[in-house]
Amino acid sequence: MNFSISSLLITCIVSTLLIVLLNFLLTTKKNYRFVRSNVIIALSFIIIARLCLPIEYRFTKTIPIPFLMNPLMTFLTYPLILDIPIYVILISLWILGILFNLVRYIRELLYLNRMFKKLEEQSEICKIKNLLPDYNGNNYDVLITSYCDSPKVLGSKKVIILPNIHFEEDKLQIILMHEIKHIENHDYYIKQFVNFLTITYWWFPPVYTLRKNIDLFLEIRVDEKVVKKMNEMDRLNYAQLLIHVQKSLVNKTNYLLLVVICSLVFFSNSIIFEASFPAPSAETPYVTISEDTLDNAYIIQHKDGTYTLFIDGEQGSIEDPTVSPFSEIPIIKE
């Protein structure tokens, strides 16, 4: 397994296509006739796994695309500030962005934890069985407060927060069952994982669409489980109570679509785009250079083990890139 610019590029391309597909399936009503939650779960898992492993494998086949990859590799290896290649600067900015967003996210979590402690002090605390005497599941804590305008669940604490307003008993049961399902599905931890993925790929716009789609799907999945045992009238009441959530998915699954999605990811791991520079020929002269010409030079390592030096628009073969003065020149693997 190997991480490279090419493997990151193909990961971004494939992930973008799959995220567009996921968004299409979740936001187009007519698609509910063809897909069910297991397709969405599989597709979401595949996207997340692809982003977590932007690498090439032993079975990956190289496809030379010189018109795209050659200019890209030349640009990324160009020495910019203090003779530092552009790709090193970009990776440094990537890491700095991760650290910045991670620190900000941790501060937000600490702030929410402080707010929760204050909320506990100013709220009525009870148990689910105090509100639903016939409930037989885990007896989670419930906070009733005037500082909240809609039902919420604090997943890290397994606490349900309700606004301090009167609910009819049947509606209260629906609301609590909805929030209980969020806790039992471990949706909080799924969201946290996706948040960390977003922090890692902060520069990749489709990842924010992915986060929004997963949040939407988690709501849909809860609704699907809550209404599963309801009669038609109860389902209508539930829909009226939770109109901000889309209709639940139907029971028929298009397994062909699931196979196509999985196949797409497998084939995306089977290929990788690479630069393709001409290998040195027998007529290619060996070159010698001085120290003051190294700034605009780079070396291509060919698959047959040979090396070609490119400098100021000219090229020539070299035998050993580790000896002076070639040792300071960046090497690009073909």
C-alpha atoms as a PDB file:
ATOM      1  CA  MET A   1       0.000   0.000   0.000  1.00  0.00           C
ATOM      2  CA  ASN A   2       1.246   3.442  -0.899  1.00  0.00           C
ATOM      3  CA  PHE A   3      -0.004   7.000  -0.462  1.00  0.00           C
ATOM      4  CA  SER A   4       0.749   9.387  -3.309  1.00  0.00           C
ATOM      5  CA  ILE A   5      -0.586  12.480  -5.022  1.00  0.00           C
ATOM      6  CA  SER A   6      -2.136  10.220  -7.646  1.00  0.00           C
ATOM      7  CA  SER A   7      -3.903   8.041  -5.067  1.00  0.00           C
ATOM      8  CA  LEU A   8      -5.273  11.150  -3.332  1.00  0.00           C
ATOM      9  CA  LEU A   9      -6.474  12.525  -6.665  1.00  0.00           C
ATOM     10  CA  ILE A  10      -8.354   9.348  -7.645  1.00  0.00           C
ATOM     11  CA  THR A  11      -9.854   9.188  -4.122  1.00  0.00           C
ATOM     12  CA  CYS A  12     -11.205  12.732  -4.476  1.00  0.00           C
ATOM     13  CA  ILE A  13     -12.639  11.996  -7.931  1.00  0.00           C
ATOM     14  CA  VAL A  14     -14.383   8.766  -6.898  1.00  0.00           C
ATOM     15  CA  SER A  15     -15.613  10.213  -3.589  1.00  0.00           C
ATOM     16  CA  THR A  16     -17.083  13.225  -5.364  1.00  0.00           C
ATOM     17  CA  LEU A  17     -19.024  10.986  -7.755  1.00  0.00           C
ATOM     18  CA  LEU A  18     -20.329   8.808  -4.915  1.00  0.00           C
ATOM     19  CA  ILE A  19     -21.301  11.826  -2.792  1.00  0.00           C
ATOM     20  CA  VAL A  20     -23.244  13.260  -5.739  1.00  0.00           C
ATOM     21  CA  LEU A  21     -25.007   9.887  -6.067  1.00  0.00           C
ATOM     22  CA  LEU A  22     -25.795   9.781  -2.336  1.00  0.00           C
ATOM     23  CA  ASN A  23     -27.190  13.309  -2.443  1.00  0.00           C
ATOM     24  CA  PHE A  24     -29.332  12.385  -5.459  1.00  0.00           C
ATOM     25  CA  LEU A  25     -30.753   9.290  -3.737  1.00  0.00           C
ATOM     26  CA  LEU A  26     -31.593  11.168  -0.541  1.00  0.00           C
ATOM     27  CA  THR A  27     -33.056  14.348  -1.997  1.00  0.00           C
ATOM     28  CA  THR A  28     -35.125  13.011  -4.925  1.00  0.00           C
ATOM     29  CA  LYS A  29     -38.466  11.599  -3.799  1.00  0.00           C
ATOM     30  CA  LYS A  30     -38.966   9.239  -6.724  1.00  0.00           C
ATOM     31  CA  ASN A  31     -35.807   7.367  -5.719  1.00  0.00           C
ATOM     32  CA  TYR A  32     -37.592   6.013  -2.642  1.00  0.00           C
ATOM     33  CA  ARG A  33     -39.208   3.437  -4.940  1.00  0.00           C
ATOM     34  CA  PHE A  34     -35.823   1.883  -5.717  1.00  0.00           C
ATOM     35  CA  VAL A  35     -33.681   2.161  -2.605  1.00  0.00           C
ATOM     36  CA  ARG A  36     -33.911   1.315   1.028  1.00  0.00           C
ATOM     37  CA  SER A  37     -31.770   2.184   4.019  1.00  0.00           C
ATOM     38  CA  ASN A  38     -29.262  -0.648   3.468  1.00  0.00           C
ATOM     39  CA  VAL A  39     -28.259   0.860   0.100  1.00  0.00           C
ATOM     40  CA  ILE A  40     -27.720   4.265   1.713  1.00  0.00           C
ATOM     41  CA  ILE A  41     -25.770   2.710   4.588  1.00  0.00           C
ATOM     42  CA  ALA A  42     -23.553   0.753   2.196  1.00  0.00           C
ATOM     43  CA  LEU A  43     -22.927   3.785   0.002  1.00  0.00           C
ATOM     44  CA  SER A  44     -22.126   6.006   2.997  1.00  0.00           C
ATOM     45  CA  PHE A  45     -19.748   3.391   4.427  1.00  0.00           C
ATOM     46  CA  ILE A  46     -17.971   3.044   1.085  1.00  0.00           C
ATOM     47  CA  ILE A  47     -17.486   6.808   0.777  1.00  0.00           C
ATOM     48  CA  ILE A  48     -16.135   7.095   4.306  1.00  0.00           C
ATOM     49  CA  ALA A  49     -13.829   4.103   3.836  1.00  0.00           C
ATOM     50  CA  ARG A  50     -12.544   5.555   0.549  1.00  0.00           C
ATOM     51  CA  LEU A  51     -11.727   8.870   2.231  1.00  0.00           C
ATOM     52  CA  CYS A  52     -10.090   7.121   5.180  1.00  0.00           C
ATOM     53  CA  LEU A  53      -7.837   5.066   2.873  1.00  0.00           C
ATOM     54  CA  PRO A  54      -6.632   7.293   0.014  1.00  0.00           C
ATOM     55  CA  ILE A  55      -3.996   4.770  -0.983  1.00  0.00           C
ATOM     56  CA  GLU A  56      -3.035   2.491  -3.854  1.00  0.00           C
ATOM     57  CA  TYR A  57      -2.858  -1.277  -3.371  1.00  0.00           C
ATOM     58  CA  ARG A  58      -0.721  -4.074  -4.768  1.00  0.00           C
ATOM     59  CA  PHE A  59      -3.369  -4.908  -7.358  1.00  0.00           C
ATOM     60  CA  THR A  60      -3.672  -1.280  -8.516  1.00  0.00           C
ATOM     61  CA  LYS A  61      -2.882  -0.771 -12.199  1.00  0.00           C
ATOM     62  CA  THR A  62      -1.211   2.400 -13.444  1.00  0.00           C
ATOM     63  CA  ILE A  63      -2.822   4.334 -16.283  1.00  0.00           C
ATOM     64  CA  PRO A  64      -0.497   6.952 -17.803  1.00  0.00           C
ATOM     65  CA  ILE A  65      -2.259  10.259 -18.447  1.00  0.00           C
ATOM     66  CA  PRO A  66       0.614  12.552 -19.475  1.00  0.00           C
ATOM     67  CA  PHE A  67      -1.562  15.470 -20.677  1.00  0.00           C
ATOM     68  CA  LEU A  68      -3.024  15.807 -17.159  1.00  0.00           C
ATOM     69  CA  MET A  69      -0.543  14.321 -14.726  1.00  0.00           C
ATOM     70  CA  ASN A  70       2.704  15.638 -16.260  1.00  0.00           C
ATOM     71  CA  PRO A  71       1.789  19.331 -15.867  1.00  0.00           C
ATOM     72  CA  LEU A  72       0.329  18.605 -12.426  1.00  0.00           C
ATOM     73  CA  MET A  73       3.479  16.839 -11.185  1.00  0.00           C
ATOM     74  CA  THR A  74       5.701  19.524 -12.709  1.00  0.00           C
ATOM     75  CA  PHE A  75       3.662  22.202 -10.925  1.00  0.00           C
ATOM     76  CA  LEU A  76       3.645  20.394  -7.568  1.00  0.00           C
ATOM     77  CA  THR A  77       7.396  19.771  -7.603  1.00  0.00           C
ATOM     78  CA  TYR A  78       8.253  23.344  -8.608  1.00  0.00           C
ATOM     79  CA  PRO A  79      10.396  24.994  -5.884  1.00  0.00           C
ATOM     80  CA  LEU A  80       8.636  28.083  -4.596  1.00  0.00           C
ATOM     81  CA  ILE A  81       9.546  29.634  -1.243  1.00  0.00           C
ATOM     82  CA  LEU A  82      13.079  28.952   0.002  1.00  0.00           C
ATOM     83  CA  ASP A  83      13.334  26.270  -2.692  1.00  0.00           C
ATOM     84  CA  ILE A  84      10.546  24.304  -0.995  1.00  0.00           C
ATOM     85  CA  PRO A  85       8.423  22.357  -3.550  1.00  0.00           C
ATOM     86  CA  ILE A  86       4.801  23.422  -3.867  1.00  0.00           C
ATOM     87  CA  TYR A  87       3.519  19.999  -2.751  1.00  0.00           C
ATOM     88  CA  VAL A  88       5.404  20.320   0.551  1.00  0.00           C
ATOM     89  CA  ILE A  89       3.827  23.744   1.126  1.00  0.00           C
ATOM     90  CA  LEU A  90       0.344  22.389   0.355  1.00  0.00           C
ATOM     91  CA  ILE A  91       0.775  19.402   2.688  1.00  0.00           C
ATOM     92  CA  SER A  92       1.969  21.769   5.427  1.00  0.00           C
ATOM     93  CA  LEU A  93      -1.127  23.947   4.932  1.00  0.00           C
ATOM     94  CA  TRP A  94      -3.286  20.799   5.027  1.00  0.00           C
ATOM     95  CA  ILE A  95      -1.804  19.771   8.387  1.00  0.00           C
ATOM     96  CA  LEU A  96      -2.077  23.302   9.809  1.00  0.00           C
ATOM     97  CA  GLY A  97      -5.730  23.438   8.740  1.00  0.00           C
ATOM     98  CA  ILE A  98      -6.407  20.119  10.470  1.00  0.00           C
ATOM     99  CA  LEU A  99      -4.789  21.339  13.690  1.00  0.00           C
ATOM    100  CA  PHE A 100      -6.668  24.651  13.591  1.00  0.00           C
ATOM    101  CA  ASN A 101     -10.060  23.031  13.005  1.00  0.00           C
ATOM    102  CA  LEU A 102      -9.365  20.312  15.566  1.00  0.00           C
ATOM    103  CA  VAL A 103      -8.538  22.870  18.260  1.00  0.00           C
ATOM    104  CA  ARG A 104     -11.656  24.860  17.394  1.00  0.00           C
ATOM    105  CA  TYR A 105     -13.805  21.718  17.504  1.00  0.00           C
ATOM    106  CA  ILE A 106     -12.440  20.663  20.879  1.00  0.00           C
ATOM    107  CA  ARG A 107     -13.178  24.142  22.222  1.00  0.00           C
ATOM    108  CA  GLU A 108     -16.755  23.842  20.960  1.00  0.00           C
ATOM    109  CA  LEU A 109     -17.166  20.482  22.722  1.00  0.00           C
ATOM    110  CA  LEU A 110     -15.827  21.934  25.971  1.00  0.00           C
ATOM    111  CA  TYR A 111     -18.174  24.899  25.639  1.00  0.00           C
ATOM    112  CA  LEU A 112     -21.160  22.592  25.085  1.00  0.00           C
ATOM    113  CA  ASN A 113     -20.141  20.573  28.136  1.00  0.00           C
ATOM    114  CA  ARG A 114     -20.114  23.737  30.279  1.00  0.00           C
ATOM    115  CA  MET A 115     -23.486  24.786  28.880  1.00  0.00           C
ATOM    116  CA  PHE A 116     -24.915  21.357  29.705  1.00  0.00           C
ATOM    117  CA  LYS A 117     -23.824  21.649  33.329  1.00  0.00           C
ATOM    118  CA  LYS A 118     -25.540  25.038  33.588  1.00  0.00           C
ATOM    119  CA  LEU A 119     -28.605  23.598  31.877  1.00  0.00           C
ATOM    120  CA  GLU A 120     -28.770  20.794  34.453  1.00  0.00           C
ATOM    121  CA  GLU A 121     -28.848  23.346  37.250  1.00  0.00           C
ATOM    122  CA  GLN A 122     -31.785  25.221  35.722  1.00  0.00           C
ATOM    123  CA  SER A 123     -33.869  22.334  34.404  1.00  0.00           C
ATOM    124  CA  GLU A 124     -36.314  19.793  35.725  1.00  0.00           C
ATOM    125  CA  ILE A 125     -34.624  16.380  35.656  1.00  0.00           C
ATOM    126  CA  CYS A 126     -36.657  13.197  35.398  1.00  0.00           C
ATOM    127  CA  LYS A 127     -36.588   9.737  33.844  1.00  0.00           C
ATOM    128  CA  ILE A 128     -38.371   8.448  30.763  1.00  0.00           C
ATOM    129  CA  LYS A 129     -40.533   6.145  32.906  1.00  0.00           C
ATOM    130  CA  ASN A 130     -41.758   9.211  34.819  1.00  0.00           C
ATOM    131  CA  LEU A 131     -43.191  10.489  31.538  1.00  0.00           C
ATOM    132  CA  LEU A 132     -44.074   7.131  29.933  1.00  0.00           C
ATOM    133  CA  PRO A 133     -45.113   4.672  32.678  1.00  0.00           C
ATOM    134  CA  ASP A 134     -45.509   1.783  30.192  1.00  0.00           C
ATOM    135  CA  TYR A 135     -42.025   2.191  28.712  1.00  0.00           C
ATOM    136  CA  ASN A 136     -39.810  -0.910  29.143  1.00  0.00           C
ATOM    137  CA  GLY A 137     -36.500   0.178  27.617  1.00  0.00           C
ATOM    138  CA  ASN A 138     -33.435   1.905  29.051  1.00  0.00           C
ATOM    139  CA  ASN A 139     -34.542   4.561  31.505  1.00  0.00           C
ATOM    140  CA  TYR A 140     -32.588   7.554  30.173  1.00  0.00           C
ATOM    141  CA  ASP A 141     -32.505  10.949  31.849  1.00  0.00           C
ATOM    142  CA  VAL A 142     -34.759  13.703  30.508  1.00  0.00           C
ATOM    143  CA  LEU A 143     -34.133  17.419  31.007  1.00  0.00           C
ATOM    144  CA  ILE A 144     -37.149  19.719  30.705  1.00  0.00           C
ATOM    145  CA  THR A 145     -36.087  23.305  30.170  1.00  0.00           C
ATOM    146  CA  SER A 146     -37.331  26.612  28.802  1.00  0.00           C
ATOM    147  CA  TYR A 147     -33.910  27.218  27.211  1.00  0.00           C
ATOM    148  CA  CYS A 148     -34.618  24.706  24.437  1.00  0.00           C
ATOM    149  CA  ASP A 149     -37.199  25.236  21.680  1.00  0.00           C
ATOM    150  CA  SER A 150     -37.225  21.699  20.223  1.00  0.00           C
ATOM    151  CA  PRO A 151     -36.506  18.141  21.412  1.00  0.00           C
ATOM    152  CA  LYS A 152     -32.832  17.178  21.277  1.00  0.00           C
ATOM    153  CA  VAL A 153     -30.574  14.383  22.428  1.00  0.00           C
ATOM    154  CA  LEU A 154     -27.157  14.836  23.969  1.00  0.00           C
ATOM    155  CA  GLY A 155     -25.575  11.629  22.725  1.00  0.00           C
ATOM    156  CA  SER A 156     -22.378  11.775  24.747  1.00  0.00           C
ATOM    157  CA  LYS A 157     -24.432  11.917  27.966  1.00  0.00           C
ATOM    158  CA  LYS A 158     -27.371   9.799  26.709  1.00  0.00           C
ATOM    159  CA  VAL A 159     -29.707  12.543  27.874  1.00  0.00           C
ATOM    160  CA  ILE A 160     -32.893  13.761  26.164  1.00  0.00           C
ATOM    161  CA  ILE A 161     -33.687  17.476  26.320  1.00  0.00           C
ATOM    162  CA  LEU A 162     -37.307  18.621  26.012  1.00  0.00           C
ATOM    163  CA  PRO A 163     -38.714  22.157  25.784  1.00  0.00           C
ATOM    164  CA  ASN A 164     -40.818  23.199  28.730  1.00  0.00           C
ATOM    165  CA  ILE A 165     -44.138  23.060  26.901  1.00  0.00           C
ATOM    166  CA  HIS A 166     -47.141  20.774  27.210  1.00  0.00           C
ATOM    167  CA  PHE A 167     -47.324  17.765  24.910  1.00  0.00           C
ATOM    168  CA  GLU A 168     -50.240  15.408  24.625  1.00  0.00           C
ATOM    169  CA  GLU A 169     -49.350  11.926  25.828  1.00  0.00           C
ATOM    170  CA  ASP A 170     -49.380  10.298  22.378  1.00  0.00           C
ATOM    171  CA  LYS A 171     -47.222  13.061  20.912  1.00  0.00           C
ATOM    172  CA  LEU A 172     -44.855  12.945  23.858  1.00  0.00           C
ATOM    173  CA  GLN A 173     -44.399   9.228  23.344  1.00  0.00           C
ATOM    174  CA  ILE A 174     -43.545   9.740  19.656  1.00  0.00           C
ATOM    175  CA  ILE A 175     -41.045  12.488  20.486  1.00  0.00           C
ATOM    176  CA  LEU A 176     -39.298  10.433  23.150  1.00  0.00           C
ATOM    177  CA  MET A 177     -39.182   7.297  20.982  1.00  0.00           C
ATOM    178  CA  HIS A 178     -37.575   9.333  18.215  1.00  0.00           C
ATOM    179  CA  GLU A 179     -34.840  10.617  20.537  1.00  0.00           C
ATOM    180  CA  ILE A 180     -34.376   7.193  22.167  1.00  0.00           C
ATOM    181  CA  LYS A 181     -33.707   5.675  18.735  1.00  0.00           C
ATOM    182  CA  HIS A 182     -30.974   8.248  18.159  1.00  0.00           C
ATOM    183  CA  ILE A 183     -29.293   7.094  21.364  1.00  0.00           C
ATOM    184  CA  GLU A 184     -29.721   3.373  20.647  1.00  0.00           C
ATOM    185  CA  ASN A 185     -28.436   3.778  17.071  1.00  0.00           C
ATOM    186  CA  HIS A 186     -25.275   5.464  18.416  1.00  0.00           C
ATOM    187  CA  ASP A 187     -25.891   8.334  16.001  1.00  0.00           C
ATOM    188  CA  TYR A 188     -23.816  10.679  18.154  1.00  0.00           C
ATOM    189  CA  TYR A 189     -20.650   8.669  17.541  1.00  0.00           C
ATOM    190  CA  ILE A 190     -21.379   8.383  13.826  1.00  0.00           C
ATOM    191  CA  LYS A 191     -21.718  12.154  13.636  1.00  0.00           C
ATOM    192  CA  GLN A 192     -18.499  12.661  15.585  1.00  0.00           C
ATOM    193  CA  PHE A 193     -16.607  10.365  13.225  1.00  0.00           C
ATOM    194  CA  VAL A 194     -17.957  12.246  10.212  1.00  0.00           C
ATOM    195  CA  ASN A 195     -17.023  15.531  11.890  1.00  0.00           C
ATOM    196  CA  PHE A 196     -13.429  14.344  12.285  1.00  0.00           C
ATOM    197  CA  LEU A 197     -13.438  13.264   8.646  1.00  0.00           C
ATOM    198  CA  THR A 198     -14.614  16.761   7.722  1.00  0.00           C
ATOM    199  CA  ILE A 199     -11.828  18.255   9.812  1.00  0.00           C
ATOM    200  CA  THR A 200      -9.297  16.073   7.998  1.00  0.00           C
ATOM    201  CA  TYR A 201     -10.604  16.981   4.531  1.00  0.00           C
ATOM    202  CA  TRP A 202     -11.400  20.623   5.364  1.00  0.00           C
ATOM    203  CA  TRP A 203     -10.213  21.711   1.890  1.00  0.00           C
ATOM    204  CA  PHE A 204     -12.465  19.237   0.016  1.00  0.00           C
ATOM    205  CA  PRO A 205     -15.950  20.834  -0.530  1.00  0.00           C
ATOM    206  CA  PRO A 206     -17.897  17.578  -1.224  1.00  0.00           C
ATOM    207  CA  VAL A 207     -17.136  16.352   2.311  1.00  0.00           C
ATOM    208  CA  TYR A 208     -19.496  19.013   3.708  1.00  0.00           C
ATOM    209  CA  THR A 209     -22.278  17.711   1.466  1.00  0.00           C
ATOM    210  CA  LEU A 210     -21.484  14.219   2.758  1.00  0.00           C
ATOM    211  CA  ARG A 211     -21.875  15.392   6.360  1.00  0.00           C
ATOM    212  CA  LYS A 212     -25.227  17.014   5.578  1.00  0.00           C
ATOM    213  CA  ASN A 213     -26.466  13.884   3.796  1.00  0.00           C
ATOM    214  CA  ILE A 214     -25.460  11.585   6.643  1.00  0.00           C
ATOM    215  CA  ASP A 215     -27.243  13.843   9.148  1.00  0.00           C
ATOM    216  CA  LEU A 216     -30.346  13.654   6.949  1.00  0.00           C
ATOM    217  CA  PHE A 217     -30.126   9.895   6.620  1.00  0.00           C
ATOM    218  CA  LEU A 218     -29.760   9.387  10.380  1.00  0.00           C
ATOM    219  CA  GLU A 219     -33.038  11.242  10.828  1.00  0.00           C
ATOM    220  CA  ILE A 220     -34.718   9.198   8.101  1.00  0.00           C
ATOM    221  CA  ARG A 221     -33.438   5.943   9.596  1.00  0.00           C
ATOM    222  CA  VAL A 222     -34.850   6.844  13.023  1.00  0.00           C
ATOM    223  CA  ASP A 223     -38.208   7.732  11.502  1.00  0.00           C
ATOM    224  CA  GLU A 224     -38.242   4.435   9.618  1.00  0.00           C
ATOM    225  CA  LYS A 225     -37.741   2.468  12.836  1.00  0.00           C
ATOM    226  CA  VAL A 226     -40.213   4.511  14.880  1.00  0.00           C
ATOM    227  CA  VAL A 227     -43.091   4.180  12.393  1.00  0.00           C
ATOM    228  CA  LYS A 228     -42.424   0.520  11.610  1.00  0.00           C
ATOM    229  CA  LYS A 229     -44.993  -0.783  14.119  1.00  0.00           C
ATOM    230  CA  MET A 230     -47.469   2.108  13.819  1.00  0.00           C
ATOM    231  CA  ASN A 231     -50.866   1.992  12.201  1.00  0.00           C
ATOM    232  CA  GLU A 232     -51.820   4.421   9.450  1.00  0.00           C
ATOM    233  CA  MET A 233     -53.318   7.016  11.785  1.00  0.00           C
ATOM    234  CA  ASP A 234     -50.286   7.002  14.071  1.00  0.00           C
ATOM    235  CA  ARG A 235     -47.993   7.368  11.073  1.00  0.00           C
ATOM    236  CA  LEU A 236     -49.978  10.369   9.898  1.00  0.00           C
ATOM    237  CA  ASN A 237     -49.681  11.960  13.333  1.00  0.00           C
ATOM    238  CA  TYR A 238     -45.978  11.239  13.365  1.00  0.00           C
ATOM    239  CA  ALA A 239     -45.533  12.830   9.939  1.00  0.00           C
ATOM    240  CA  GLN A 240     -47.406  15.914  11.057  1.00  0.00           C
ATOM    241  CA  LEU A 241     -45.293  16.137  14.186  1.00  0.00           C
ATOM    242  CA  LEU A 242     -41.986  15.726  12.348  1.00  0.00           C
ATOM    243  CA  ILE A 243     -42.663  17.461   9.040  1.00  0.00           C
ATOM    244  CA  HIS A 244     -39.053  18.648   8.867  1.00  0.00           C
ATOM    245  CA  VAL A 245     -37.969  15.034   8.300  1.00  0.00           C
ATOM    246  CA  GLN A 246     -38.423  13.461   4.862  1.00  0.00           C
ATOM    247  CA  LYS A 247     -40.702  10.430   4.274  1.00  0.00           C
ATOM    248  CA  SER A 248     -39.307   7.128   5.392  1.00  0.00           C
ATOM    249  CA  LEU A 249     -37.754   4.806   2.798  1.00  0.00           C
ATOM    250  CA  VAL A 250     -39.806   1.936   1.350  1.00  0.00           C
ATOM    251  CA  ASN A 251     -39.092  -1.701   1.974  1.00  0.00           C
ATOM    252  CA  LYS A 252     -37.987  -2.744  -1.527  1.00  0.00           C
ATOM    253  CA  THR A 253     -34.246  -2.736  -2.167  1.00  0.00           C
ATOM    254  CA  ASN A 254     -32.616  -2.554  -5.567  1.00  0.00           C
ATOM    255  CA  TYR A 255     -29.754  -5.001  -5.029  1.00  0.00           C
ATOM    256  CA  LEU A 256     -28.431  -4.333  -8.521  1.00  0.00           C
ATOM    257  CA  LEU A 257     -27.789  -0.730  -7.495  1.00  0.00           C
ATOM    258  CA  LEU A 258     -25.933  -1.962  -4.415  1.00  0.00           C
ATOM    259  CA  VAL A 259     -23.739  -4.247  -6.539  1.00  0.00           C
ATOM    260  CA  VAL A 260     -22.972  -1.417  -8.970  1.00  0.00           C
ATOM    261  CA  ILE A 261     -21.950   0.889  -6.126  1.00  0.00           C
ATOM    262  CA  CYS A 262     -19.604  -1.697  -4.599  1.00  0.00           C
ATOM    263  CA  SER A 263     -18.148  -2.540  -8.011  1.00  0.00           C
ATOM    264  CA  LEU A 264     -17.435   1.106  -8.727  1.00  0.00           C
ATOM    265  CA  VAL A 265     -15.356   1.418  -5.584  1.00  0.00           C
ATOM    266  CA  PHE A 266     -13.452  -1.820  -6.304  1.00  0.00           C
ATOM    267  CA  PHE A 267     -12.551  -0.676  -9.805  1.00  0.00           C
ATOM    268  CA  SER A 268     -11.560   2.750  -8.518  1.00  0.00           C
ATOM    269  CA  ASN A 269      -9.006   1.020  -6.285  1.00  0.00           C
ATOM    270  CA  SER A 270      -7.771  -0.998  -9.253  1.00  0.00           C
ATOM    271  CA  ILE A 271      -6.522   1.964 -11.254  1.00  0.00           C
ATOM    272  CA  ILE A 272      -4.451   5.028 -10.591  1.00  0.00           C
ATOM    273  CA  PHE A 273      -3.466   7.954 -12.765  1.00  0.00           C
ATOM    274  CA  GLU A 274       0.234   8.691 -13.116  1.00  0.00           C
ATOM    275  CA  ALA A 275       2.514  11.021 -15.014  1.00  0.00           C
ATOM    276  CA  SER A 276       4.349   9.505 -17.974  1.00  0.00           C
ATOM    277  CA  PHE A 277       7.631  11.117 -18.955  1.00  0.00           C
ATOM    278  CA  PRO A 278       9.714   9.749 -21.829  1.00  0.00           C
ATOM    279  CA  ALA A 279      12.323   7.196 -20.778  1.00  0.00           C
ATOM    280  CA  PRO A 280      15.929   7.953 -21.742  1.00  0.00           C
ATOM    281  CA  SER A 281      17.083   6.416 -25.019  1.00  0.00           C
ATOM    282  CA  ALA A 282      20.502   5.219 -25.995  1.00  0.00           C
ATOM    283  CA  GLU A 283      21.066   8.533 -27.746  1.00  0.00           C
ATOM    284  CA  THR A 284      20.152  10.579 -24.697  1.00  0.00           C
ATOM    285  CA  PRO A 285      23.316  12.249 -23.452  1.00  0.00           C
ATOM    286  CA  TYR A 286      24.458  11.955 -19.861  1.00  0.00           C
ATOM    287  CA  VAL A 287      24.540  15.378 -18.259  1.00  0.00           C
ATOM    288  CA  THR A 288      26.629  17.148 -15.696  1.00  0.00           C
ATOM    289  CA  ILE A 289      25.400  20.272 -13.925  1.00  0.00           C
ATOM    290  CA  SER A 290      26.677  22.857 -11.538  1.00  0.00           C
ATOM    291  CA  GLU A 291      25.232  23.792  -8.146  1.00  0.00           C
ATOM    292  CA  ASP A 292      23.689  27.067  -9.389  1.00  0.00           C
ATOM    293  CA  THR A 293      21.400  25.262 -11.867  1.00  0.00           C
ATOM    294  CA  LEU A 294      19.683  22.944  -9.367  1.00  0.00           C
ATOM    295  CA  ASP A 295      16.779  25.284  -8.534  1.00  0.00           C
ATOM    296  CA  ASN A 296      14.758  24.456 -11.653  1.00  0.00           C
ATOM    297  CA  ALA A 297      15.641  20.766 -11.830  1.00  0.00           C
ATOM    298  CA  TYR A 298      13.773  17.559 -11.044  1.00  0.00           C
ATOM    299  CA  ILE A 299      14.404  13.848 -11.641  1.00  0.00           C
ATOM    300  CA  ILE A 300      12.003  11.228 -13.017  1.00  0.00           C
ATOM    301  CA  GLN A 301      12.493   7.676 -11.722  1.00  0.00           C
ATOM    302  CA  HIS A 302      11.287   5.308 -14.447  1.00  0.00           C
ATOM    303  CA  LYS A 303       9.783   1.900 -13.765  1.00  0.00           C
ATOM    304  CA  ASP A 304      12.773   0.194 -15.361  1.00  0.00           C
ATOM    305  CA  GLY A 305      15.059   1.703 -12.725  1.00  0.00           C
ATOM    306  CA  THR A 306      16.572   4.434 -14.902  1.00  0.00           C
ATOM    307  CA  TYR A 307      16.564   8.145 -14.114  1.00  0.00           C
ATOM    308  CA  THR A 308      16.064  11.204 -16.300  1.00  0.00           C
ATOM    309  CA  LEU A 309      17.119  14.693 -15.225  1.00  0.00           C
ATOM    310  CA  PHE A 310      15.005  17.644 -16.368  1.00  0.00           C
ATOM    311  CA  ILE A 311      16.467  21.122 -16.055  1.00  0.00           C
ATOM    312  CA  ASP A 312      15.598  24.395 -17.765  1.00  0.00           C
ATOM    313  CA  GLY A 313      13.662  22.630 -20.524  1.00  0.00           C
ATOM    314  CA  GLU A 314      16.427  20.126 -21.262  1.00  0.00           C
ATOM    315  CA  GLN A 315      16.781  16.518 -20.209  1.00  0.00           C
ATOM    316  CA  GLY A 316      19.396  13.844 -19.890  1.00  0.00           C
ATOM    317  CA  SER A 317      19.953  10.499 -18.174  1.00  0.00           C
ATOM    318  CA  ILE A 318      21.816  10.060 -14.892  1.00  0.00           C
ATOM    319  CA  GLU A 319      22.967   6.892 -13.190  1.00  0.00           C
ATOM    320  CA  ASP A 320      22.772   7.655  -9.466  1.00  0.00           C
ATOM    321  CA  PRO A 321      20.479  10.419  -8.107  1.00  0.00           C
ATOM    322  CA  THR A 322      21.872  10.028  -4.584  1.00  0.00           C
ATOM    323  CA  VAL A 323      25.289  11.449  -5.365  1.00  0.00           C
ATOM    324  CA  SER A 324      26.173  15.117  -5.431  1.00  0.00           C
ATOM    325  CA  PRO A 325      24.974  17.374  -6.954  1.00  0.00           C
ATOM    326  CA  PHE A 326      21.827  15.349  -7.766  1.00  0.00           C
ATOM    327  CA  SER A 327      21.043  14.408  -4.151  1.00  0.00           C
ATOM    328  CA  GLU A 328      19.272  17.730  -3.509  1.00  0.00           C
ATOM    329  CA  ILE A 329      16.967  17.451  -6.558  1.00  0.00           C
ATOM    330  CA  PRO A 330      13.351  16.235  -6.018  1.00  0.00           C
ATOM    331  CA  ILE A 331      12.584  12.787  -7.477  1.00  0.00           C
ATOM    332  CA  ILE A 332       9.219  11.912  -9.075  1.00  0.00           C
ATOM    333  CA  LYS A 333       8.316   8.244  -9.480  1.00  0.00           C
ATOM    334  CA  GLU A 334       6.778   7.396 -12.842  1.00  0.00           C
END
